[in-house]
PDB file of N, CA and C in Angstrom:
ATOM      1  N   MET A   1     -25.850  77.949 -31.049  1.00  0.00           N
ATOM      2  CA  MET A   1     -25.835  76.534 -30.885  1.00  0.00           C
ATOM      3  C   MET A   1     -26.889  75.932 -31.798  1.00  0.00           C
ATOM      4  N   GLY A   2     -27.079  74.661 -31.753  1.00  0.00           N
ATOM      5  CA  GLY A   2     -28.077  74.025 -32.596  1.00  0.00           C
ATOM      6  C   GLY A   2     -29.140  73.367 -31.749  1.00  0.00           C
ATOM      7  N   SER A   3     -30.098  72.857 -32.425  1.00  0.00           N
ATOM      8  CA  SER A   3     -31.161  72.151 -31.718  1.00  0.00           C
ATOM      9  C   SER A   3     -30.641  70.798 -31.219  1.00  0.00           C
ATOM     10  N   PRO A   4     -31.334  70.185 -30.258  1.00  0.00           N
ATOM     11  CA  PRO A   4     -30.890  68.873 -29.766  1.00  0.00           C
ATOM     12  C   PRO A   4     -30.814  67.819 -30.872  1.00  0.00           C
ATOM     13  N   GLY A   5     -31.700  67.892 -31.857  1.00  0.00           N
ATOM     14  CA  GLY A   5     -31.672  66.947 -32.972  1.00  0.00           C
ATOM     15  C   GLY A   5     -30.412  67.088 -33.802  1.00  0.00           C
ATOM     16  N   GLN A   6     -29.988  68.342 -34.027  1.00  0.00           N
ATOM     17  CA  GLN A   6     -28.765  68.581 -34.803  1.00  0.00           C
ATOM     18  C   GLN A   6     -27.539  68.107 -34.024  1.00  0.00           C
ATOM     19  N   LEU A   7     -27.514  68.374 -32.712  1.00  0.00           N
ATOM     20  CA  LEU A   7     -26.388  67.916 -31.892  1.00  0.00           C
ATOM     21  C   LEU A   7     -26.307  66.394 -31.877  1.00  0.00           C
ATOM     22  N   TYR A   8     -27.466  65.758 -31.804  1.00  0.00           N
ATOM     23  CA  TYR A   8     -27.506  64.300 -31.826  1.00  0.00           C
ATOM     24  C   TYR A   8     -26.960  63.768 -33.154  1.00  0.00           C
ATOM     25  N   ALA A   9     -27.366  64.366 -34.258  1.00  0.00           N
ATOM     26  CA  ALA A   9     -26.905  63.943 -35.579  1.00  0.00           C
ATOM     27  C   ALA A   9     -25.397  64.121 -35.709  1.00  0.00           C
ATOM     28  N   VAL A  10     -24.855  65.217 -35.198  1.00  0.00           N
ATOM     29  CA  VAL A  10     -23.413  65.456 -35.254  1.00  0.00           C
ATOM     30  C   VAL A  10     -22.678  64.429 -34.398  1.00  0.00           C
ATOM     31  N   ALA A  11     -23.193  64.151 -33.200  1.00  0.00           N
ATOM     32  CA  ALA A  11     -22.551  63.174 -32.316  1.00  0.00           C
ATOM     33  C   ALA A  11     -22.554  61.785 -32.943  1.00  0.00           C
ATOM     34  N   VAL A  12     -23.667  61.391 -33.536  1.00  0.00           N
ATOM     35  CA  VAL A  12     -23.746  60.086 -34.191  1.00  0.00           C
ATOM     36  C   VAL A  12     -22.791  60.038 -35.378  1.00  0.00           C
ATOM     37  N   GLY A  13     -22.712  61.104 -36.140  1.00  0.00           N
ATOM     38  CA  GLY A  13     -21.786  61.159 -37.276  1.00  0.00           C
ATOM     39  C   GLY A  13     -20.339  61.020 -36.829  1.00  0.00           C
ATOM     40  N   ILE A  14     -19.983  61.695 -35.746  1.00  0.00           N
ATOM     41  CA  ILE A  14     -18.613  61.606 -35.230  1.00  0.00           C
ATOM     42  C   ILE A  14     -18.313  60.189 -34.750  1.00  0.00           C
ATOM     43  N   LEU A  15     -19.260  59.579 -34.055  1.00  0.00           N
ATOM     44  CA  LEU A  15     -19.061  58.205 -33.593  1.00  0.00           C
ATOM     45  C   LEU A  15     -18.933  57.223 -34.758  1.00  0.00           C
ATOM     46  N   LEU A  16     -19.729  57.410 -35.800  1.00  0.00           N
ATOM     47  CA  LEU A  16     -19.627  56.552 -36.972  1.00  0.00           C
ATOM     48  C   LEU A  16     -18.269  56.702 -37.658  1.00  0.00           C
ATOM     49  N   LEU A  17     -17.789  57.916 -37.772  1.00  0.00           N
ATOM     50  CA  LEU A  17     -16.467  58.145 -38.372  1.00  0.00           C
ATOM     51  C   LEU A  17     -15.359  57.536 -37.516  1.00  0.00           C
ATOM     52  N   ALA A  18     -15.499  57.621 -36.201  1.00  0.00           N
ATOM     53  CA  ALA A  18     -14.501  57.022 -35.315  1.00  0.00           C
ATOM     54  C   ALA A  18     -14.500  55.498 -35.459  1.00  0.00           C
ATOM     55  N   ALA A  19     -15.692  54.903 -35.552  1.00  0.00           N
ATOM     56  CA  ALA A  19     -15.778  53.451 -35.723  1.00  0.00           C
ATOM     57  C   ALA A  19     -15.192  53.029 -37.066  1.00  0.00           C
ATOM     58  N   LEU A  20     -15.462  53.790 -38.103  1.00  0.00           N
ATOM     59  CA  LEU A  20     -14.900  53.491 -39.416  1.00  0.00           C
ATOM     60  C   LEU A  20     -13.382  53.618 -39.389  1.00  0.00           C
ATOM     61  N   GLY A  21     -12.882  54.650 -38.740  1.00  0.00           N
ATOM     62  CA  GLY A  21     -11.438  54.833 -38.633  1.00  0.00           C
ATOM     63  C   GLY A  21     -10.770  53.708 -37.869  1.00  0.00           C
ATOM     64  N   ALA A  22     -11.437  53.183 -36.844  1.00  0.00           N
ATOM     65  CA  ALA A  22     -10.872  52.081 -36.070  1.00  0.00           C
ATOM     66  C   ALA A  22     -10.907  50.769 -36.851  1.00  0.00           C
ATOM     67  N   SER A  23     -11.859  50.610 -37.756  1.00  0.00           N
ATOM     68  CA  SER A  23     -11.983  49.358 -38.499  1.00  0.00           C
ATOM     69  C   SER A  23     -11.092  49.293 -39.731  1.00  0.00           C
ATOM     70  N   VAL A  24     -10.628  50.419 -40.235  1.00  0.00           N
ATOM     71  CA  VAL A  24      -9.816  50.428 -41.452  1.00  0.00           C
ATOM     72  C   VAL A  24      -8.544  49.589 -41.301  1.00  0.00           C
ATOM     73  N   PRO A  25      -7.765  49.707 -40.221  1.00  0.00           N
ATOM     74  CA  PRO A  25      -6.567  48.860 -40.120  1.00  0.00           C
ATOM     75  C   PRO A  25      -6.885  47.368 -40.122  1.00  0.00           C
ATOM     76  N   VAL A  26      -7.990  46.970 -39.511  1.00  0.00           N
ATOM     77  CA  VAL A  26      -8.376  45.563 -39.493  1.00  0.00           C
ATOM     78  C   VAL A  26      -8.740  45.107 -40.902  1.00  0.00           C
ATOM     79  N   LEU A  27      -9.507  45.909 -41.620  1.00  0.00           N
ATOM     80  CA  LEU A  27      -9.885  45.557 -42.981  1.00  0.00           C
ATOM     81  C   LEU A  27      -8.683  45.484 -43.905  1.00  0.00           C
ATOM     82  N   VAL A  28      -7.721  46.386 -43.725  1.00  0.00           N
ATOM     83  CA  VAL A  28      -6.498  46.356 -44.538  1.00  0.00           C
ATOM     84  C   VAL A  28      -5.719  45.077 -44.262  1.00  0.00           C
ATOM     85  N   GLU A  29      -5.627  44.664 -43.006  1.00  0.00           N
ATOM     86  CA  GLU A  29      -4.913  43.431 -42.655  1.00  0.00           C
ATOM     87  C   GLU A  29      -5.614  42.203 -43.236  1.00  0.00           C
ATOM     88  N   ILE A  30      -6.941  42.195 -43.229  1.00  0.00           N
ATOM     89  CA  ILE A  30      -7.690  41.085 -43.824  1.00  0.00           C
ATOM     90  C   ILE A  30      -7.413  41.020 -45.323  1.00  0.00           C
ATOM     91  N   ALA A  31      -7.402  42.159 -45.986  1.00  0.00           N
ATOM     92  CA  ALA A  31      -7.127  42.193 -47.423  1.00  0.00           C
ATOM     93  C   ALA A  31      -5.711  41.713 -47.709  1.00  0.00           C
ATOM     94  N   ARG A  32      -4.739  42.146 -46.921  1.00  0.00           N
ATOM     95  CA  ARG A  32      -3.353  41.702 -47.119  1.00  0.00           C
ATOM     96  C   ARG A  32      -3.228  40.195 -46.930  1.00  0.00           C
ATOM     97  N   ASP A  33      -3.880  39.656 -45.899  1.00  0.00           N
ATOM     98  CA  ASP A  33      -3.834  38.223 -45.650  1.00  0.00           C
ATOM     99  C   ASP A  33      -4.461  37.452 -46.811  1.00  0.00           C
ATOM    100  N   GLY A  34      -5.566  37.944 -47.323  1.00  0.00           N
ATOM    101  CA  GLY A  34      -6.214  37.297 -48.465  1.00  0.00           C
ATOM    102  C   GLY A  34      -5.344  37.303 -49.700  1.00  0.00           C
ATOM    103  N   LEU A  35      -4.695  38.426 -49.968  1.00  0.00           N
ATOM    104  CA  LEU A  35      -3.797  38.512 -51.123  1.00  0.00           C
ATOM    105  C   LEU A  35      -2.599  37.585 -50.957  1.00  0.00           C
ATOM    106  N   GLU A  36      -2.082  37.490 -49.746  1.00  0.00           N
ATOM    107  CA  GLU A  36      -0.947  36.611 -49.478  1.00  0.00           C
ATOM    108  C   GLU A  36      -1.349  35.146 -49.671  1.00  0.00           C
ATOM    109  N   ARG A  37      -2.514  34.755 -49.174  1.00  0.00           N
ATOM    110  CA  ARG A  37      -2.987  33.377 -49.370  1.00  0.00           C
ATOM    111  C   ARG A  37      -3.218  33.090 -50.848  1.00  0.00           C
ATOM    112  N   HIS A  38      -3.766  34.062 -51.579  1.00  0.00           N
ATOM    113  CA  HIS A  38      -3.984  33.891 -53.019  1.00  0.00           C
ATOM    114  C   HIS A  38      -2.650  33.682 -53.727  1.00  0.00           C
ATOM    115  N   ARG A  39      -1.643  34.464 -53.363  1.00  0.00           N
ATOM    116  CA  ARG A  39      -0.320  34.324 -53.967  1.00  0.00           C
ATOM    117  C   ARG A  39       0.278  32.964 -53.642  1.00  0.00           C
ATOM    118  N   GLU A  40       0.132  32.510 -52.389  1.00  0.00           N
ATOM    119  CA  GLU A  40       0.681  31.218 -51.987  1.00  0.00           C
ATOM    120  C   GLU A  40      -0.012  30.068 -52.715  1.00  0.00           C
ATOM    121  N   ARG A  41      -1.311  30.164 -52.914  1.00  0.00           N
ATOM    122  CA  ARG A  41      -2.009  29.110 -53.650  1.00  0.00           C
ATOM    123  C   ARG A  41      -1.580  29.086 -55.106  1.00  0.00           C
ATOM    124  N   ARG A  42      -1.399  30.278 -55.682  1.00  0.00           N
ATOM    125  CA  ARG A  42      -0.996  30.357 -57.082  1.00  0.00           C
ATOM    126  C   ARG A  42       0.388  29.761 -57.295  1.00  0.00           C
ATOM    127  N   THR A  43       1.309  29.997 -56.369  1.00  0.00           N
ATOM    128  CA  THR A  43       2.672  29.498 -56.514  1.00  0.00           C
ATOM    129  C   THR A  43       2.833  28.082 -56.001  1.00  0.00           C
ATOM    130  N   GLY A  44       1.795  27.501 -55.393  1.00  0.00           N
ATOM    131  CA  GLY A  44       1.849  26.129 -54.927  1.00  0.00           C
ATOM    132  C   GLY A  44       2.370  25.968 -53.516  1.00  0.00           C
ATOM    133  N   GLU A  45       2.657  27.061 -52.812  1.00  0.00           N
ATOM    134  CA  GLU A  45       3.133  26.969 -51.431  1.00  0.00           C
ATOM    135  C   GLU A  45       2.033  26.526 -50.485  1.00  0.00           C
ATOM    136  N   LEU A  46       0.778  26.774 -50.853  1.00  0.00           N
ATOM    137  CA  LEU A  46      -0.363  26.448 -50.016  1.00  0.00           C
ATOM    138  C   LEU A  46      -1.337  25.671 -50.877  1.00  0.00           C
ATOM    139  N   GLY A  47      -1.749  24.510 -50.421  1.00  0.00           N
ATOM    140  CA  GLY A  47      -2.665  23.700 -51.216  1.00  0.00           C
ATOM    141  C   GLY A  47      -3.962  23.479 -50.488  1.00  0.00           C
ATOM    142  N   GLY A  48      -5.077  23.598 -51.188  1.00  0.00           N
ATOM    143  CA  GLY A  48      -6.394  23.364 -50.592  1.00  0.00           C
ATOM    144  C   GLY A  48      -6.696  24.341 -49.479  1.00  0.00           C
ATOM    145  N   ASP A  49      -7.476  23.909 -48.520  1.00  0.00           N
ATOM    146  CA  ASP A  49      -7.791  24.715 -47.351  1.00  0.00           C
ATOM    147  C   ASP A  49      -6.794  24.363 -46.269  1.00  0.00           C
ATOM    148  N   ALA A  50      -5.799  25.189 -46.060  1.00  0.00           N
ATOM    149  CA  ALA A  50      -4.713  24.878 -45.134  1.00  0.00           C
ATOM    150  C   ALA A  50      -5.208  24.745 -43.697  1.00  0.00           C
ATOM    151  N   ASP A  51      -6.242  25.478 -43.331  1.00  0.00           N
ATOM    152  CA  ASP A  51      -6.742  25.438 -41.967  1.00  0.00           C
ATOM    153  C   ASP A  51      -7.733  24.302 -41.748  1.00  0.00           C
ATOM    154  N   ASP A  52      -8.099  23.616 -42.800  1.00  0.00           N
ATOM    155  CA  ASP A  52      -9.119  22.582 -42.713  1.00  0.00           C
ATOM    156  C   ASP A  52      -8.462  21.214 -42.676  1.00  0.00           C
ATOM    157  N   GLU A  53      -8.652  20.485 -41.576  1.00  0.00           N
ATOM    158  CA  GLU A  53      -8.049  19.161 -41.443  1.00  0.00           C
ATOM    159  C   GLU A  53      -8.612  18.185 -42.461  1.00  0.00           C
ATOM    160  N   ALA A  54      -9.843  18.404 -42.908  1.00  0.00           N
ATOM    161  CA  ALA A  54     -10.468  17.488 -43.860  1.00  0.00           C
ATOM    162  C   ALA A  54      -9.809  17.558 -45.228  1.00  0.00           C
ATOM    163  N   SER A  55      -9.051  18.613 -45.526  1.00  0.00           N
ATOM    164  CA  SER A  55      -8.435  18.730 -46.846  1.00  0.00           C
ATOM    165  C   SER A  55      -7.309  17.734 -47.033  1.00  0.00           C
ATOM    166  N   ASP A  56      -6.824  17.116 -45.934  1.00  0.00           N
ATOM    167  CA  ASP A  56      -5.768  16.121 -46.049  1.00  0.00           C
ATOM    168  C   ASP A  56      -6.312  14.765 -46.500  1.00  0.00           C
ATOM    169  N   ARG A  57      -7.623  14.575 -46.412  1.00  0.00           N
ATOM    170  CA  ARG A  57      -8.219  13.310 -46.803  1.00  0.00           C
ATOM    171  C   ARG A  57      -8.310  13.200 -48.312  1.00  0.00           C
ATOM    172  N   THR A  58      -8.324  11.993 -48.808  1.00  0.00           N
ATOM    173  CA  THR A  58      -8.579  11.802 -50.229  1.00  0.00           C
ATOM    174  C   THR A  58     -10.074  11.854 -50.438  1.00  0.00           C
ATOM    175  N   PRO A  59     -10.542  12.616 -51.433  1.00  0.00           N
ATOM    176  CA  PRO A  59     -11.979  12.742 -51.624  1.00  0.00           C
ATOM    177  C   PRO A  59     -12.605  11.430 -52.076  1.00  0.00           C
ATOM    178  N   PRO A  60     -13.810  11.096 -51.567  1.00  0.00           N
ATOM    179  CA  PRO A  60     -14.497   9.880 -51.999  1.00  0.00           C
ATOM    180  C   PRO A  60     -15.056  10.052 -53.406  1.00  0.00           C
ATOM    181  N   ASP A  61     -15.806   9.057 -53.856  1.00  0.00           N
ATOM    182  CA  ASP A  61     -16.443   9.158 -55.167  1.00  0.00           C
ATOM    183  C   ASP A  61     -17.254  10.433 -55.245  1.00  0.00           C
ATOM    184  N   SER A  62     -17.416  10.976 -56.448  1.00  0.00           N
ATOM    185  CA  SER A  62     -18.061  12.279 -56.568  1.00  0.00           C
ATOM    186  C   SER A  62     -19.563  12.238 -56.320  1.00  0.00           C
ATOM    187  N   LEU A  63     -20.237  11.100 -56.498  1.00  0.00           N
ATOM    188  CA  LEU A  63     -21.674  11.015 -56.231  1.00  0.00           C
ATOM    189  C   LEU A  63     -21.931  10.013 -55.119  1.00  0.00           C
ATOM    190  N   GLU A  64     -22.765  10.398 -54.166  1.00  0.00           N
ATOM    191  CA  GLU A  64     -23.150   9.494 -53.089  1.00  0.00           C
ATOM    192  C   GLU A  64     -24.539   9.871 -52.621  1.00  0.00           C
ATOM    193  N   ALA A  65     -25.231   8.958 -51.972  1.00  0.00           N
ATOM    194  CA  ALA A  65     -26.565   9.233 -51.442  1.00  0.00           C
ATOM    195  C   ALA A  65     -26.436   9.452 -49.943  1.00  0.00           C
ATOM    196  N   ASP A  66     -27.076  10.509 -49.435  1.00  0.00           N
ATOM    197  CA  ASP A  66     -27.033  10.748 -47.994  1.00  0.00           C
ATOM    198  C   ASP A  66     -28.145   9.963 -47.311  1.00  0.00           C
ATOM    199  N   THR A  67     -28.278  10.125 -46.007  1.00  0.00           N
ATOM    200  CA  THR A  67     -29.237   9.329 -45.242  1.00  0.00           C
ATOM    201  C   THR A  67     -30.681   9.652 -45.605  1.00  0.00           C
ATOM    202  N   ALA A  68     -30.964  10.825 -46.138  1.00  0.00           N
ATOM    203  CA  ALA A  68     -32.328  11.182 -46.523  1.00  0.00           C
ATOM    204  C   ALA A  68     -32.656  10.710 -47.936  1.00  0.00           C
ATOM    205  N   GLY A  69     -31.700  10.066 -48.618  1.00  0.00           N
ATOM    206  CA  GLY A  69     -31.947   9.563 -49.956  1.00  0.00           C
ATOM    207  C   GLY A  69     -31.651  10.570 -51.056  1.00  0.00           C
ATOM    208  N   ARG A  70     -31.200  11.766 -50.699  1.00  0.00           N
ATOM    209  CA  ARG A  70     -30.859  12.768 -51.709  1.00  0.00           C
ATOM    210  C   ARG A  70     -29.482  12.453 -52.278  1.00  0.00           C
ATOM    211  N   THR A  71     -29.290  12.763 -53.541  1.00  0.00           N
ATOM    212  CA  THR A  71     -27.980  12.565 -54.157  1.00  0.00           C
ATOM    213  C   THR A  71     -27.092  13.738 -53.801  1.00  0.00           C
ATOM    214  N   ARG A  72     -25.870  13.437 -53.379  1.00  0.00           N
ATOM    215  CA  ARG A  72     -24.905  14.463 -53.004  1.00  0.00           C
ATOM    216  C   ARG A  72     -23.723  14.384 -53.969  1.00  0.00           C
ATOM    217  N   VAL A  73     -23.141  15.514 -54.267  1.00  0.00           N
ATOM    218  CA  VAL A  73     -21.950  15.572 -55.098  1.00  0.00           C
ATOM    219  C   VAL A  73     -20.789  15.950 -54.195  1.00  0.00           C
ATOM    220  N   THR A  74     -19.719  15.173 -54.262  1.00  0.00           N
ATOM    221  CA  THR A  74     -18.543  15.446 -53.448  1.00  0.00           C
ATOM    222  C   THR A  74     -17.533  16.212 -54.282  1.00  0.00           C
ATOM    223  N   CYS A  75     -17.031  17.287 -53.749  1.00  0.00           N
ATOM    224  CA  CYS A  75     -16.047  18.120 -54.445  1.00  0.00           C
ATOM    225  C   CYS A  75     -14.747  17.332 -54.615  1.00  0.00           C
ATOM    226  N   ARG A  76     -14.194  17.354 -55.820  1.00  0.00           N
ATOM    227  CA  ARG A  76     -12.943  16.653 -56.087  1.00  0.00           C
ATOM    228  C   ARG A  76     -11.757  17.345 -55.439  1.00  0.00           C
ATOM    229  N   ARG A  77     -11.893  18.643 -55.167  1.00  0.00           N
ATOM    230  CA  ARG A  77     -10.769  19.391 -54.611  1.00  0.00           C
ATOM    231  C   ARG A  77     -10.679  19.285 -53.095  1.00  0.00           C
ATOM    232  N   CYS A  78     -11.807  19.530 -52.398  1.00  0.00           N
ATOM    233  CA  CYS A  78     -11.745  19.577 -50.931  1.00  0.00           C
ATOM    234  C   CYS A  78     -12.500  18.447 -50.242  1.00  0.00           C
ATOM    235  N   GLY A  79     -13.317  17.692 -50.984  1.00  0.00           N
ATOM    236  CA  GLY A  79     -14.033  16.575 -50.397  1.00  0.00           C
ATOM    237  C   GLY A  79     -15.338  16.932 -49.707  1.00  0.00           C
ATOM    238  N   ALA A  80     -15.812  18.169 -49.836  1.00  0.00           N
ATOM    239  CA  ALA A  80     -17.063  18.580 -49.189  1.00  0.00           C
ATOM    240  C   ALA A  80     -18.259  17.992 -49.924  1.00  0.00           C
ATOM    241  N   ALA A  81     -19.275  17.578 -49.171  1.00  0.00           N
ATOM    242  CA  ALA A  81     -20.512  17.062 -49.760  1.00  0.00           C
ATOM    243  C   ALA A  81     -21.418  18.243 -50.101  1.00  0.00           C
ATOM    244  N   ASN A  82     -21.925  18.260 -51.333  1.00  0.00           N
ATOM    245  CA  ASN A  82     -22.782  19.339 -51.822  1.00  0.00           C
ATOM    246  C   ASN A  82     -24.075  18.752 -52.356  1.00  0.00           C
ATOM    247  N   ASP A  83     -25.147  19.535 -52.330  1.00  0.00           N
ATOM    248  CA  ASP A  83     -26.392  19.096 -52.941  1.00  0.00           C
ATOM    249  C   ASP A  83     -26.180  18.945 -54.442  1.00  0.00           C
ATOM    250  N   ALA A  84     -26.922  18.033 -55.065  1.00  0.00           N
ATOM    251  CA  ALA A  84     -26.738  17.717 -56.482  1.00  0.00           C
ATOM    252  C   ALA A  84     -27.015  18.920 -57.381  1.00  0.00           C
ATOM    253  N   GLU A  85     -27.887  19.844 -56.936  1.00  0.00           N
ATOM    254  CA  GLU A  85     -28.209  20.993 -57.789  1.00  0.00           C
ATOM    255  C   GLU A  85     -27.167  22.116 -57.715  1.00  0.00           C
ATOM    256  N   PHE A  86     -26.185  21.990 -56.827  1.00  0.00           N
ATOM    257  CA  PHE A  86     -25.147  23.023 -56.711  1.00  0.00           C
ATOM    258  C   PHE A  86     -24.245  22.994 -57.942  1.00  0.00           C
ATOM    259  N   THR A  87     -23.846  24.157 -58.395  1.00  0.00           N
ATOM    260  CA  THR A  87     -22.913  24.267 -59.505  1.00  0.00           C
ATOM    261  C   THR A  87     -21.493  24.412 -58.986  1.00  0.00           C
ATOM    262  N   TYR A  88     -21.342  25.053 -57.819  1.00  0.00           N
ATOM    263  CA  TYR A  88     -20.033  25.288 -57.220  1.00  0.00           C
ATOM    264  C   TYR A  88     -20.005  24.688 -55.815  1.00  0.00           C
ATOM    265  N   CYS A  89     -18.826  24.276 -55.374  1.00  0.00           N
ATOM    266  CA  CYS A  89     -18.662  23.705 -54.040  1.00  0.00           C
ATOM    267  C   CYS A  89     -19.011  24.749 -52.993  1.00  0.00           C
ATOM    268  N   ARG A  90     -19.706  24.322 -51.948  1.00  0.00           N
ATOM    269  CA  ARG A  90     -20.098  25.243 -50.884  1.00  0.00           C
ATOM    270  C   ARG A  90     -18.920  25.645 -50.025  1.00  0.00           C
ATOM    271  N   ARG A  91     -17.836  24.863 -49.991  1.00  0.00           N
ATOM    272  CA  ARG A  91     -16.693  25.171 -49.162  1.00  0.00           C
ATOM    273  C   ARG A  91     -15.605  25.941 -49.921  1.00  0.00           C
ATOM    274  N   CYS A  92     -15.202  25.438 -51.069  1.00  0.00           N
ATOM    275  CA  CYS A  92     -14.043  26.048 -51.753  1.00  0.00           C
ATOM    276  C   CYS A  92     -14.416  26.752 -53.053  1.00  0.00           C
ATOM    277  N   THR A  93     -15.654  26.759 -53.441  1.00  0.00           N
ATOM    278  CA  THR A  93     -16.208  27.419 -54.636  1.00  0.00           C
ATOM    279  C   THR A  93     -15.615  26.915 -55.946  1.00  0.00           C
ATOM    280  N   THR A  94     -15.083  25.708 -55.945  1.00  0.00           N
ATOM    281  CA  THR A  94     -14.603  25.097 -57.177  1.00  0.00           C
ATOM    282  C   THR A  94     -15.807  24.608 -57.967  1.00  0.00           C
ATOM    283  N   PRO A  95     -15.821  24.774 -59.291  1.00  0.00           N
ATOM    284  CA  PRO A  95     -16.944  24.231 -60.081  1.00  0.00           C
ATOM    285  C   PRO A  95     -17.037  22.724 -59.904  1.00  0.00           C
ATOM    286  N   LEU A  96     -18.258  22.228 -59.735  1.00  0.00           N
ATOM    287  CA  LEU A  96     -18.471  20.783 -59.533  1.00  0.00           C
ATOM    288  C   LEU A  96     -18.629  20.064 -60.855  1.00  0.00           C
TER     289      LEU A  96
END
């Protein structure tokens, strides 16, 4: 037999492999869903953020001042308010 430390290491290794095996189907489904959404956006079947109710709004002017006096940049694609120093939208990652 082995020492208690070796048995513990083997048990932890087996549990880690079991957890990884259980997570693989979920990760595969997430990847498939992402690829399907990417395909739908490319073909025009899905526009903007489909799950986001705010994407139905028309975006306001691209520059606005918030209540703290900081200048905010509004994304032309999704309408999210971003800090002026951002290069990409925080919501949809479109270049600003």
